[in-house]
Structure formats: C-alpha cells, structure tokens
C-alpha cells in the first residue's frame, strides 16, 4: 500500500498520526490536532487520486 501512496501520501499519513497523538495527549491542542488530521487526510487523498489517475494514464 505504501508504494502506491508515494512520498506525499506517506507524509499525509504521518501528519494524520501526529494529529491524532496531539488530540490524545492534550485537550488544549484539539484545534491544532484537528487541523493536522484534516491536512494529512487531504494530502493522502490527493496522493491516492494522483496515483489512480497515473495508473489510467491520465497524468
């Protein structure tokens, strides 16, 4: 799965994990953690869509 994501997708997954850890550690950082989760999710989706389009020869 990781080879399909590429470096951008892996970075997105790392950001999602960091965001979840921040939310779990400190409730005062909920806003920052949620922002990291959303940013990571967006990067992961972008990498997956780019990979899929590349597989179809559209990119």
PDB file of N, CA and C in Angstrom:
ATOM      1  N   UNK A   1       0.819  -1.188   0.000  1.00  0.00           N
ATOM      2  CA  UNK A   1       0.000   0.000   0.000  1.00  0.00           C
ATOM      3  C   UNK A   1       0.864   1.255   0.000  1.00  0.00           C
ATOM      4  N   UNK A   2       1.956   1.247   0.760  1.00  0.00           N
ATOM      5  CA  UNK A   2       2.776   2.447   0.861  1.00  0.00           C
ATOM      6  C   UNK A   2       3.434   2.801  -0.463  1.00  0.00           C
ATOM      7  N   UNK A   3       3.758   1.808  -1.300  1.00  0.00           N
ATOM      8  CA  UNK A   3       4.361   2.121  -2.592  1.00  0.00           C
ATOM      9  C   UNK A   3       3.359   2.800  -3.527  1.00  0.00           C
ATOM     10  N   UNK A   4       2.086   2.579  -3.324  1.00  0.00           N
ATOM     11  CA  UNK A   4       1.052   3.227  -4.123  1.00  0.00           C
ATOM     12  C   UNK A   4       0.842   4.691  -3.704  1.00  0.00           C
ATOM     13  N   UNK A   5       1.110   5.013  -2.438  1.00  0.00           N
ATOM     14  CA  UNK A   5       0.894   6.368  -1.945  1.00  0.00           C
ATOM     15  C   UNK A   5       1.962   7.337  -2.412  1.00  0.00           C
ATOM     16  N   UNK A   6       3.191   6.906  -2.446  1.00  0.00           N
ATOM     17  CA  UNK A   6       4.290   7.801  -2.776  1.00  0.00           C
ATOM     18  C   UNK A   6       4.664   8.649  -1.571  1.00  0.00           C
ATOM     19  N   UNK A   7       5.645   9.508  -1.749  1.00  0.00           N
ATOM     20  CA  UNK A   7       6.117  10.307  -0.610  1.00  0.00           C
ATOM     21  C   UNK A   7       5.071  11.275  -0.057  1.00  0.00           C
ATOM     22  N   UNK A   8       4.252  11.834  -0.929  1.00  0.00           N
ATOM     23  CA  UNK A   8       3.221  12.773  -0.461  1.00  0.00           C
ATOM     24  C   UNK A   8       2.164  12.059   0.382  1.00  0.00           C
ATOM     25  N   UNK A   9       1.768  10.879  -0.024  1.00  0.00           N
ATOM     26  CA  UNK A   9       0.791  10.110   0.740  1.00  0.00           C
ATOM     27  C   UNK A   9       1.337   9.646   2.075  1.00  0.00           C
ATOM     28  N   UNK A  10       2.600   9.244   2.081  1.00  0.00           N
ATOM     29  CA  UNK A  10       3.233   8.819   3.333  1.00  0.00           C
ATOM     30  C   UNK A  10       3.334  10.003   4.291  1.00  0.00           C
ATOM     31  N   UNK A  11       3.694  11.182   3.757  1.00  0.00           N
ATOM     32  CA  UNK A  11       3.726  12.383   4.598  1.00  0.00           C
ATOM     33  C   UNK A  11       2.333  12.691   5.141  1.00  0.00           C
ATOM     34  N   UNK A  12       1.317  12.494   4.328  1.00  0.00           N
ATOM     35  CA  UNK A  12      -0.054  12.715   4.786  1.00  0.00           C
ATOM     36  C   UNK A  12      -0.448  11.790   5.906  1.00  0.00           C
ATOM     37  N   UNK A  13      -0.075  10.515   5.764  1.00  0.00           N
ATOM     38  CA  UNK A  13      -0.378   9.565   6.836  1.00  0.00           C
ATOM     39  C   UNK A  13       0.358   9.925   8.121  1.00  0.00           C
ATOM     40  N   UNK A  14       1.601  10.373   7.999  1.00  0.00           N
ATOM     41  CA  UNK A  14       2.369  10.771   9.182  1.00  0.00           C
ATOM     42  C   UNK A  14       1.709  11.965   9.870  1.00  0.00           C
ATOM     43  N   UNK A  15       1.234  12.921   9.083  1.00  0.00           N
ATOM     44  CA  UNK A  15       0.572  14.091   9.666  1.00  0.00           C
ATOM     45  C   UNK A  15      -0.721  13.685  10.359  1.00  0.00           C
ATOM     46  N   UNK A  16      -1.462  12.756   9.779  1.00  0.00           N
ATOM     47  CA  UNK A  16      -2.692  12.261  10.419  1.00  0.00           C
ATOM     48  C   UNK A  16      -2.361  11.630  11.765  1.00  0.00           C
ATOM     49  N   UNK A  17      -1.314  10.799  11.797  1.00  0.00           N
ATOM     50  CA  UNK A  17      -0.938  10.160  13.057  1.00  0.00           C
ATOM     51  C   UNK A  17      -0.495  11.172  14.098  1.00  0.00           C
ATOM     52  N   UNK A  18       0.277  12.172  13.694  1.00  0.00           N
ATOM     53  CA  UNK A  18       0.706  13.214  14.630  1.00  0.00           C
ATOM     54  C   UNK A  18      -0.504  13.973  15.167  1.00  0.00           C
ATOM     55  N   UNK A  19      -1.458  14.249  14.312  1.00  0.00           N
ATOM     56  CA  UNK A  19      -2.664  14.947  14.757  1.00  0.00           C
ATOM     57  C   UNK A  19      -3.454  14.151  15.768  1.00  0.00           C
ATOM     58  N   UNK A  20      -3.585  12.863  15.534  1.00  0.00           N
ATOM     59  CA  UNK A  20      -4.315  12.019  16.478  1.00  0.00           C
ATOM     60  C   UNK A  20      -3.599  11.968  17.816  1.00  0.00           C
ATOM     61  N   UNK A  21      -2.272  11.880  17.787  1.00  0.00           N
ATOM     62  CA  UNK A  21      -1.492  11.867  19.033  1.00  0.00           C
ATOM     63  C   UNK A  21      -1.671  13.177  19.787  1.00  0.00           C
ATOM     64  N   UNK A  22      -1.657  14.295  19.084  1.00  0.00           N
ATOM     65  CA  UNK A  22      -1.858  15.584  19.751  1.00  0.00           C
ATOM     66  C   UNK A  22      -3.222  15.664  20.425  1.00  0.00           C
ATOM     67  N   UNK A  23      -4.240  15.181  19.762  1.00  0.00           N
ATOM     68  CA  UNK A  23      -5.578  15.195  20.355  1.00  0.00           C
ATOM     69  C   UNK A  23      -5.617  14.325  21.597  1.00  0.00           C
ATOM     70  N   UNK A  24      -4.947  13.187  21.559  1.00  0.00           N
ATOM     71  CA  UNK A  24      -4.966  12.271  22.698  1.00  0.00           C
ATOM     72  C   UNK A  24      -4.168  12.814  23.873  1.00  0.00           C
ATOM     73  N   UNK A  25      -3.102  13.539  23.616  1.00  0.00           N
ATOM     74  CA  UNK A  25      -2.231  13.999  24.705  1.00  0.00           C
ATOM     75  C   UNK A  25      -2.823  15.185  25.466  1.00  0.00           C
ATOM     76  N   UNK A  26      -3.258  16.169  24.746  1.00  0.00           N
ATOM     77  CA  UNK A  26      -3.594  17.434  25.395  1.00  0.00           C
ATOM     78  C   UNK A  26      -4.881  18.000  24.813  1.00  0.00           C
ATOM     79  N   UNK A  27      -5.859  18.216  25.640  1.00  0.00           N
ATOM     80  CA  UNK A  27      -7.125  18.732  25.135  1.00  0.00           C
ATOM     81  C   UNK A  27      -7.022  20.180  24.664  1.00  0.00           C
ATOM     82  N   UNK A  28      -6.032  20.930  25.158  1.00  0.00           N
ATOM     83  CA  UNK A  28      -5.857  22.307  24.709  1.00  0.00           C
ATOM     84  C   UNK A  28      -5.372  22.375  23.265  1.00  0.00           C
ATOM     85  N   UNK A  29      -4.849  21.299  22.777  1.00  0.00           N
ATOM     86  CA  UNK A  29      -4.346  21.278  21.409  1.00  0.00           C
ATOM     87  C   UNK A  29      -5.329  20.637  20.433  1.00  0.00           C
ATOM     88  N   UNK A  30      -6.581  20.561  20.835  1.00  0.00           N
ATOM     89  CA  UNK A  30      -7.577  19.917  19.981  1.00  0.00           C
ATOM     90  C   UNK A  30      -7.672  20.630  18.625  1.00  0.00           C
ATOM     91  N   UNK A  31      -7.676  21.926  18.642  1.00  0.00           N
ATOM     92  CA  UNK A  31      -7.791  22.670  17.380  1.00  0.00           C
ATOM     93  C   UNK A  31      -6.590  22.405  16.480  1.00  0.00           C
ATOM     94  N   UNK A  32      -5.394  22.440  17.028  1.00  0.00           N
ATOM     95  CA  UNK A  32      -4.192  22.159  16.240  1.00  0.00           C
ATOM     96  C   UNK A  32      -4.159  20.728  15.748  1.00  0.00           C
ATOM     97  N   UNK A  33      -4.567  19.814  16.592  1.00  0.00           N
ATOM     98  CA  UNK A  33      -4.599  18.412  16.195  1.00  0.00           C
ATOM     99  C   UNK A  33      -5.603  18.141  15.099  1.00  0.00           C
ATOM    100  N   UNK A  34      -6.759  18.742  15.197  1.00  0.00           N
ATOM    101  CA  UNK A  34      -7.773  18.558  14.155  1.00  0.00           C
ATOM    102  C   UNK A  34      -7.301  19.140  12.824  1.00  0.00           C
ATOM    103  N   UNK A  35      -6.607  20.273  12.879  1.00  0.00           N
ATOM    104  CA  UNK A  35      -6.077  20.862  11.650  1.00  0.00           C
ATOM    105  C   UNK A  35      -5.053  19.929  11.006  1.00  0.00           C
ATOM    106  N   UNK A  36      -4.193  19.323  11.813  1.00  0.00           N
ATOM    107  CA  UNK A  36      -3.215  18.377  11.279  1.00  0.00           C
ATOM    108  C   UNK A  36      -3.891  17.145  10.694  1.00  0.00           C
ATOM    109  N   UNK A  37      -4.925  16.663  11.356  1.00  0.00           N
ATOM    110  CA  UNK A  37      -5.652  15.497  10.839  1.00  0.00           C
ATOM    111  C   UNK A  37      -6.273  15.823   9.476  1.00  0.00           C
ATOM    112  N   UNK A  38      -6.887  16.967   9.365  1.00  0.00           N
ATOM    113  CA  UNK A  38      -7.513  17.345   8.094  1.00  0.00           C
ATOM    114  C   UNK A  38      -6.473  17.557   6.994  1.00  0.00           C
ATOM    115  N   UNK A  39      -5.356  18.178   7.337  1.00  0.00           N
ATOM    116  CA  UNK A  39      -4.298  18.387   6.356  1.00  0.00           C
ATOM    117  C   UNK A  39      -3.718  17.057   5.888  1.00  0.00           C
ATOM    118  N   UNK A  40      -3.483  16.164   6.818  1.00  0.00           N
ATOM    119  CA  UNK A  40      -2.963  14.851   6.461  1.00  0.00           C
ATOM    120  C   UNK A  40      -3.924  14.053   5.616  1.00  0.00           C
ATOM    121  N   UNK A  41      -5.194  14.119   5.951  1.00  0.00           N
ATOM    122  CA  UNK A  41      -6.210  13.409   5.171  1.00  0.00           C
ATOM    123  C   UNK A  41      -6.274  13.952   3.743  1.00  0.00           C
ATOM    124  N   UNK A  42      -6.199  15.263   3.609  1.00  0.00           N
ATOM    125  CA  UNK A  42      -6.228  15.870   2.285  1.00  0.00           C
ATOM    126  C   UNK A  42      -5.014  15.452   1.456  1.00  0.00           C
ATOM    127  N   UNK A  43      -3.836  15.426   2.069  1.00  0.00           N
ATOM    128  CA  UNK A  43      -2.635  15.001   1.350  1.00  0.00           C
ATOM    129  C   UNK A  43      -2.720  13.541   0.940  1.00  0.00           C
ATOM    130  N   UNK A  44      -3.261  12.705   1.797  1.00  0.00           N
ATOM    131  CA  UNK A  44      -3.397  11.282   1.491  1.00  0.00           C
ATOM    132  C   UNK A  44      -4.362  11.059   0.333  1.00  0.00           C
ATOM    133  N   UNK A  45      -5.495  11.739   0.361  1.00  0.00           N
ATOM    134  CA  UNK A  45      -6.480  11.602  -0.715  1.00  0.00           C
ATOM    135  C   UNK A  45      -5.896  12.099  -2.032  1.00  0.00           C
ATOM    136  N   UNK A  46      -5.169  13.220  -1.985  1.00  0.00           N
ATOM    137  CA  UNK A  46      -4.556  13.751  -3.202  1.00  0.00           C
ATOM    138  C   UNK A  46      -3.568  12.753  -3.784  1.00  0.00           C
ATOM    139  N   UNK A  47      -2.756  12.143  -2.945  1.00  0.00           N
ATOM    140  CA  UNK A  47      -1.779  11.170  -3.425  1.00  0.00           C
ATOM    141  C   UNK A  47      -2.464   9.941  -4.018  1.00  0.00           C
ATOM    142  N   UNK A  48      -3.517   9.461  -3.383  1.00  0.00           N
ATOM    143  CA  UNK A  48      -4.234   8.299  -3.906  1.00  0.00           C
ATOM    144  C   UNK A  48      -4.902   8.603  -5.244  1.00  0.00           C
ATOM    145  N   UNK A  49      -5.515   9.765  -5.356  1.00  0.00           N
ATOM    146  CA  UNK A  49      -6.170  10.140  -6.609  1.00  0.00           C
ATOM    147  C   UNK A  49      -5.129  10.323  -7.716  1.00  0.00           C
ATOM    148  N   UNK A  50      -4.006  10.955  -7.397  1.00  0.00           N
ATOM    149  CA  UNK A  50      -2.947  11.127  -8.388  1.00  0.00           C
ATOM    150  C   UNK A  50      -2.411   9.775  -8.848  1.00  0.00           C
ATOM    151  N   UNK A  51      -2.246   8.859  -7.919  1.00  0.00           N
ATOM    152  CA  UNK A  51      -1.785   7.520  -8.272  1.00  0.00           C
ATOM    153  C   UNK A  51      -2.776   6.783  -9.151  1.00  0.00           C
ATOM    154  N   UNK A  52      -4.054   6.929  -8.841  1.00  0.00           N
ATOM    155  CA  UNK A  52      -5.080   6.276  -9.643  1.00  0.00           C
ATOM    156  C   UNK A  52      -5.128   6.865 -11.050  1.00  0.00           C
ATOM    157  N   UNK A  53      -5.066   8.195 -11.152  1.00  0.00           N
ATOM    158  CA  UNK A  53      -5.075   8.820 -12.463  1.00  0.00           C
ATOM    159  C   UNK A  53      -3.830   8.437 -13.265  1.00  0.00           C
ATOM    160  N   UNK A  54      -2.693   8.328 -12.580  1.00  0.00           N
ATOM    161  CA  UNK A  54      -1.470   7.892 -13.248  1.00  0.00           C
ATOM    162  C   UNK A  54      -1.571   6.476 -13.758  1.00  0.00           C
ATOM    163  N   UNK A  55      -2.252   5.617 -13.021  1.00  0.00           N
ATOM    164  CA  UNK A  55      -2.427   4.231 -13.444  1.00  0.00           C
ATOM    165  C   UNK A  55      -3.295   4.139 -14.709  1.00  0.00           C
ATOM    166  N   UNK A  56      -4.208   5.084 -14.860  1.00  0.00           N
ATOM    167  CA  UNK A  56      -5.049   5.115 -16.045  1.00  0.00           C
ATOM    168  C   UNK A  56      -4.421   5.912 -17.191  1.00  0.00           C
ATOM    169  N   UNK A  57      -3.225   6.455 -16.954  1.00  0.00           N
ATOM    170  CA  UNK A  57      -2.536   7.227 -17.984  1.00  0.00           C
ATOM    171  C   UNK A  57      -3.066   8.626 -18.173  1.00  0.00           C
ATOM    172  N   UNK A  58      -3.724   9.148 -17.160  1.00  0.00           N
ATOM    173  CA  UNK A  58      -4.319  10.480 -17.279  1.00  0.00           C
ATOM    174  C   UNK A  58      -3.422  11.557 -16.697  1.00  0.00           C
ATOM    175  N   UNK A  59      -2.311  11.171 -16.090  1.00  0.00           N
ATOM    176  CA  UNK A  59      -1.387  12.167 -15.539  1.00  0.00           C
ATOM    177  C   UNK A  59       0.005  11.869 -15.975  1.00  0.00           C
TER     178      UNK A  59
END
